Amino acid sequence: MLDKVVSFSLNTEVGLFVFIMLRESREDRFQHLAVPMPVGDCVFSLTWLLPTYFLFAVTYDVLQTLADVAHYLPYYSHDQELHVYNVTGSFTAANLSTFL
């Protein structure tokens, strides 16, 4: 669970906050600052890929977490599936059918 929290927070940070920082760096109030190696306009236009990529990762993390949580909900039980697929009425046949 810790890996999901860390992945979610880092992807949100990079995807959103770094993107905002990059966009704000081109504002007029920062134009008087000297930058040792400025990025050209063509490369800077690719910064839109940054939030797109990382926010898809955030979406994946959320959906994966919801899928994991849904797996542990009480309405999903392996015992219920065994009784549904048990045609012969024996518990052994139902257990063997799960391995197939």
N, C-alpha and C. Protein backbone atom coordinates (compact mmCIF):
# COMPACT_ATOMS: atom_id res chain seq x y z
N MET A 1 0.82 -1.19 0.00
CA MET A 1 0.00 0.00 0.00
C MET A 1 0.87 1.26 0.00
N LEU A 2 2.01 1.18 0.65
CA LEU A 2 2.91 2.33 0.68
C LEU A 2 3.40 2.67 -0.73
N ASP A 3 3.65 1.65 -1.53
CA ASP A 3 4.12 1.91 -2.90
C ASP A 3 3.07 2.65 -3.71
N LYS A 4 1.81 2.38 -3.47
CA LYS A 4 0.75 3.07 -4.20
C LYS A 4 0.67 4.53 -3.79
N VAL A 5 0.84 4.81 -2.50
CA VAL A 5 0.79 6.18 -2.01
C VAL A 5 1.97 6.98 -2.55
N VAL A 6 3.15 6.38 -2.53
CA VAL A 6 4.35 7.06 -3.03
C VAL A 6 4.23 7.30 -4.52
N SER A 7 3.79 6.30 -5.27
CA SER A 7 3.63 6.46 -6.70
C SER A 7 2.60 7.54 -7.02
N PHE A 8 1.50 7.54 -6.32
CA PHE A 8 0.47 8.55 -6.54
C PHE A 8 0.99 9.95 -6.25
N SER A 9 1.69 10.12 -5.14
CA SER A 9 2.17 11.45 -4.76
C SER A 9 3.27 11.95 -5.70
N LEU A 10 4.19 11.08 -6.09
CA LEU A 10 5.26 11.51 -6.99
C LEU A 10 4.73 11.81 -8.39
N ASN A 11 3.83 11.00 -8.88
CA ASN A 11 3.25 11.26 -10.20
C ASN A 11 2.43 12.54 -10.20
N THR A 12 1.73 12.81 -9.13
CA THR A 12 0.97 14.06 -9.02
C THR A 12 1.92 15.24 -8.96
N GLU A 13 2.97 15.10 -8.18
CA GLU A 13 3.94 16.19 -8.03
C GLU A 13 4.59 16.53 -9.36
N VAL A 14 5.10 15.54 -10.04
CA VAL A 14 5.80 15.79 -11.30
C VAL A 14 4.82 16.20 -12.38
N GLY A 15 3.71 15.51 -12.45
CA GLY A 15 2.76 15.77 -13.52
C GLY A 15 2.07 17.11 -13.41
N LEU A 16 1.87 17.60 -12.23
CA LEU A 16 1.12 18.84 -12.06
C LEU A 16 2.01 19.99 -11.64
N PHE A 17 2.74 19.83 -10.55
CA PHE A 17 3.48 20.95 -9.98
C PHE A 17 4.70 21.34 -10.80
N VAL A 18 5.43 20.39 -11.33
CA VAL A 18 6.58 20.71 -12.17
C VAL A 18 6.10 21.36 -13.47
N PHE A 19 4.99 20.88 -14.00
CA PHE A 19 4.42 21.49 -15.20
C PHE A 19 4.04 22.94 -14.94
N ILE A 20 3.38 23.21 -13.82
CA ILE A 20 3.01 24.58 -13.48
C ILE A 20 4.26 25.44 -13.31
N MET A 21 5.29 24.89 -12.69
CA MET A 21 6.54 25.62 -12.50
C MET A 21 7.18 25.97 -13.85
N LEU A 22 7.17 25.01 -14.78
CA LEU A 22 7.73 25.28 -16.10
C LEU A 22 6.94 26.35 -16.85
N ARG A 23 5.62 26.30 -16.76
CA ARG A 23 4.80 27.30 -17.44
C ARG A 23 4.97 28.68 -16.82
N GLU A 24 5.07 28.73 -15.52
CA GLU A 24 5.25 30.01 -14.85
C GLU A 24 6.62 30.62 -15.12
N SER A 25 7.60 29.81 -15.43
CA SER A 25 8.94 30.33 -15.68
C SER A 25 9.00 31.19 -16.94
N ARG A 26 8.03 31.06 -17.82
CA ARG A 26 7.98 31.87 -19.04
C ARG A 26 7.17 33.16 -18.87
N GLU A 27 6.70 33.44 -17.68
CA GLU A 27 5.94 34.66 -17.43
C GLU A 27 6.85 35.89 -17.53
N ASP A 28 6.24 37.04 -17.73
CA ASP A 28 6.99 38.29 -17.88
C ASP A 28 7.79 38.67 -16.64
N ARG A 29 7.31 38.33 -15.49
CA ARG A 29 8.01 38.73 -14.26
C ARG A 29 9.33 38.01 -14.08
N PHE A 30 9.58 36.91 -14.82
CA PHE A 30 10.84 36.18 -14.71
C PHE A 30 11.77 36.40 -15.91
N GLN A 31 11.39 37.25 -16.86
CA GLN A 31 12.19 37.44 -18.06
C GLN A 31 13.49 38.18 -17.80
N HIS A 32 13.60 38.92 -16.71
CA HIS A 32 14.83 39.65 -16.41
C HIS A 32 15.93 38.73 -15.84
N LEU A 33 15.60 37.52 -15.47
CA LEU A 33 16.58 36.58 -14.92
C LEU A 33 17.37 35.92 -16.04
N ALA A 34 18.68 35.79 -15.81
CA ALA A 34 19.54 35.14 -16.81
C ALA A 34 19.51 33.63 -16.59
N VAL A 35 19.30 32.89 -17.66
CA VAL A 35 19.27 31.44 -17.61
C VAL A 35 20.50 30.93 -18.36
N PRO A 36 21.36 30.11 -17.74
CA PRO A 36 22.59 29.66 -18.38
C PRO A 36 22.36 28.87 -19.67
N MET A 37 21.35 28.03 -19.70
CA MET A 37 21.08 27.22 -20.88
C MET A 37 19.58 27.22 -21.14
N PRO A 38 19.08 28.24 -21.82
CA PRO A 38 17.63 28.32 -22.04
C PRO A 38 17.14 27.25 -23.01
N VAL A 39 15.90 26.86 -22.82
CA VAL A 39 15.25 25.88 -23.67
C VAL A 39 14.54 26.63 -24.79
N GLY A 40 14.68 26.13 -26.00
CA GLY A 40 14.03 26.77 -27.14
C GLY A 40 12.53 26.60 -27.12
N ASP A 41 11.86 27.39 -27.94
CA ASP A 41 10.40 27.35 -27.99
C ASP A 41 9.87 26.01 -28.51
N CYS A 42 10.60 25.41 -29.44
CA CYS A 42 10.16 24.13 -30.00
C CYS A 42 10.19 23.03 -28.94
N VAL A 43 11.25 22.99 -28.16
CA VAL A 43 11.36 21.98 -27.10
C VAL A 43 10.40 22.31 -25.96
N PHE A 44 10.23 23.61 -25.68
CA PHE A 44 9.34 24.00 -24.59
C PHE A 44 7.90 23.63 -24.89
N SER A 45 7.52 23.60 -26.16
CA SER A 45 6.15 23.22 -26.50
C SER A 45 5.87 21.75 -26.18
N LEU A 46 6.91 20.95 -26.04
CA LEU A 46 6.74 19.54 -25.67
C LEU A 46 6.44 19.34 -24.18
N THR A 47 6.46 20.42 -23.41
CA THR A 47 6.17 20.28 -21.97
C THR A 47 4.74 19.85 -21.72
N TRP A 48 3.86 19.95 -22.72
CA TRP A 48 2.49 19.47 -22.56
C TRP A 48 2.44 17.95 -22.43
N LEU A 49 3.49 17.29 -22.90
CA LEU A 49 3.54 15.83 -22.74
C LEU A 49 3.79 15.43 -21.29
N LEU A 50 4.43 16.30 -20.54
CA LEU A 50 4.75 16.00 -19.13
C LEU A 50 3.50 15.75 -18.29
N PRO A 51 2.53 16.67 -18.25
CA PRO A 51 1.35 16.37 -17.43
C PRO A 51 0.50 15.24 -18.02
N THR A 52 0.51 15.13 -19.34
CA THR A 52 -0.27 14.06 -19.96
C THR A 52 0.23 12.71 -19.51
N TYR A 53 1.53 12.51 -19.57
CA TYR A 53 2.13 11.22 -19.19
C TYR A 53 1.92 10.92 -17.72
N PHE A 54 2.25 11.87 -16.86
CA PHE A 54 2.19 11.59 -15.43
C PHE A 54 0.76 11.56 -14.89
N LEU A 55 -0.14 12.31 -15.48
CA LEU A 55 -1.52 12.23 -15.00
C LEU A 55 -2.21 10.95 -15.48
N PHE A 56 -1.75 10.38 -16.60
CA PHE A 56 -2.21 9.03 -16.94
C PHE A 56 -1.71 8.03 -15.91
N ALA A 57 -0.50 8.23 -15.42
CA ALA A 57 0.03 7.35 -14.37
C ALA A 57 -0.78 7.50 -13.08
N VAL A 58 -1.21 8.71 -12.76
CA VAL A 58 -2.06 8.93 -11.59
C VAL A 58 -3.40 8.21 -11.77
N THR A 59 -3.97 8.31 -12.96
CA THR A 59 -5.23 7.63 -13.25
C THR A 59 -5.07 6.12 -13.11
N TYR A 60 -3.96 5.59 -13.62
CA TYR A 60 -3.70 4.16 -13.50
C TYR A 60 -3.57 3.75 -12.03
N ASP A 61 -2.87 4.55 -11.23
CA ASP A 61 -2.73 4.24 -9.81
C ASP A 61 -4.09 4.21 -9.11
N VAL A 62 -4.94 5.17 -9.42
CA VAL A 62 -6.26 5.23 -8.80
C VAL A 62 -7.09 4.01 -9.20
N LEU A 63 -7.10 3.69 -10.49
CA LEU A 63 -7.88 2.55 -10.95
C LEU A 63 -7.35 1.22 -10.40
N GLN A 64 -6.04 1.10 -10.32
CA GLN A 64 -5.44 -0.12 -9.76
C GLN A 64 -5.77 -0.27 -8.28
N THR A 65 -5.76 0.83 -7.56
CA THR A 65 -6.11 0.79 -6.14
C THR A 65 -7.58 0.43 -5.96
N LEU A 66 -8.45 1.00 -6.79
CA LEU A 66 -9.88 0.66 -6.69
C LEU A 66 -10.12 -0.81 -7.03
N ALA A 67 -9.38 -1.34 -7.99
CA ALA A 67 -9.52 -2.76 -8.33
C ALA A 67 -9.05 -3.64 -7.18
N ASP A 68 -7.96 -3.25 -6.52
CA ASP A 68 -7.47 -4.02 -5.38
C ASP A 68 -8.45 -3.97 -4.21
N VAL A 69 -9.03 -2.81 -3.96
CA VAL A 69 -9.98 -2.67 -2.87
C VAL A 69 -11.25 -3.46 -3.19
N ALA A 70 -11.70 -3.42 -4.44
CA ALA A 70 -12.91 -4.14 -4.83
C ALA A 70 -12.74 -5.65 -4.68
N HIS A 71 -11.52 -6.11 -4.81
CA HIS A 71 -11.26 -7.54 -4.66
C HIS A 71 -11.51 -8.02 -3.23
N TYR A 72 -11.34 -7.14 -2.25
CA TYR A 72 -11.51 -7.51 -0.85
C TYR A 72 -12.88 -7.18 -0.29
N LEU A 73 -13.77 -6.68 -1.13
CA LEU A 73 -15.12 -6.37 -0.64
C LEU A 73 -15.87 -7.67 -0.34
N PRO A 74 -16.81 -7.65 0.59
CA PRO A 74 -17.48 -8.89 1.02
C PRO A 74 -18.35 -9.54 -0.04
N TYR A 75 -18.81 -8.80 -1.05
CA TYR A 75 -19.67 -9.43 -2.05
C TYR A 75 -18.89 -10.32 -3.00
N TYR A 76 -17.57 -10.20 -3.03
CA TYR A 76 -16.75 -11.06 -3.88
C TYR A 76 -16.11 -12.12 -3.01
N SER A 77 -16.51 -13.35 -3.18
CA SER A 77 -15.99 -14.42 -2.35
C SER A 77 -15.75 -15.65 -3.22
N HIS A 78 -14.62 -16.30 -3.01
CA HIS A 78 -14.31 -17.51 -3.76
C HIS A 78 -15.26 -18.65 -3.39
N ASP A 79 -15.74 -18.64 -2.15
CA ASP A 79 -16.68 -19.69 -1.72
C ASP A 79 -17.98 -19.62 -2.51
N GLN A 80 -18.44 -18.43 -2.82
CA GLN A 80 -19.67 -18.30 -3.60
C GLN A 80 -19.47 -18.84 -5.01
N GLU A 81 -18.30 -18.61 -5.59
CA GLU A 81 -18.03 -19.12 -6.92
C GLU A 81 -17.99 -20.64 -6.93
N LEU A 82 -17.48 -21.23 -5.86
CA LEU A 82 -17.39 -22.68 -5.80
C LEU A 82 -18.78 -23.32 -5.81
N HIS A 83 -19.71 -22.71 -5.11
CA HIS A 83 -21.06 -23.28 -5.06
C HIS A 83 -21.79 -23.09 -6.39
N VAL A 84 -21.49 -22.07 -7.12
CA VAL A 84 -22.15 -21.85 -8.40
C VAL A 84 -21.68 -22.86 -9.43
N TYR A 85 -20.38 -23.14 -9.45
CA TYR A 85 -19.83 -24.04 -10.45
C TYR A 85 -19.85 -25.50 -10.03
N ASN A 86 -20.35 -25.79 -8.85
CA ASN A 86 -20.39 -27.15 -8.36
C ASN A 86 -21.63 -27.84 -8.93
N VAL A 87 -21.45 -28.57 -10.02
CA VAL A 87 -22.58 -29.24 -10.68
C VAL A 87 -22.90 -30.55 -10.01
N THR A 88 -21.87 -31.28 -9.55
CA THR A 88 -22.08 -32.61 -9.00
C THR A 88 -22.55 -32.58 -7.56
N GLY A 89 -22.39 -31.48 -6.88
CA GLY A 89 -22.83 -31.40 -5.50
C GLY A 89 -21.74 -31.78 -4.51
N SER A 90 -20.57 -32.18 -4.97
CA SER A 90 -19.50 -32.53 -4.04
C SER A 90 -18.53 -31.37 -3.90
N PHE A 91 -18.03 -31.20 -2.71
CA PHE A 91 -17.09 -30.13 -2.41
C PHE A 91 -15.76 -30.38 -3.09
N THR A 92 -15.34 -31.63 -3.23
CA THR A 92 -14.06 -31.98 -3.88
C THR A 92 -14.09 -31.59 -5.35
N ALA A 93 -15.17 -31.85 -6.03
CA ALA A 93 -15.28 -31.49 -7.44
C ALA A 93 -15.20 -29.98 -7.62
N ALA A 94 -15.77 -29.25 -6.68
CA ALA A 94 -15.73 -27.79 -6.77
C ALA A 94 -14.31 -27.29 -6.56
N ASN A 95 -13.56 -27.90 -5.63
CA ASN A 95 -12.18 -27.49 -5.40
C ASN A 95 -11.30 -27.81 -6.59
N LEU A 96 -11.52 -28.94 -7.24
CA LEU A 96 -10.73 -29.30 -8.41
C LEU A 96 -11.03 -28.41 -9.60
N SER A 97 -12.25 -27.91 -9.69
CA SER A 97 -12.60 -27.05 -10.81
C SER A 97 -11.89 -25.71 -10.75
N THR A 98 -11.48 -25.28 -9.56
CA THR A 98 -10.77 -23.99 -9.45
C THR A 98 -9.37 -24.12 -10.00
N PHE A 99 -8.77 -25.30 -10.03
CA PHE A 99 -7.43 -25.46 -10.55
C PHE A 99 -7.42 -25.54 -12.07
N LEU A 100 -8.54 -25.81 -12.68
CA LEU A 100 -8.63 -25.93 -14.12
C LEU A 100 -8.85 -24.59 -14.67
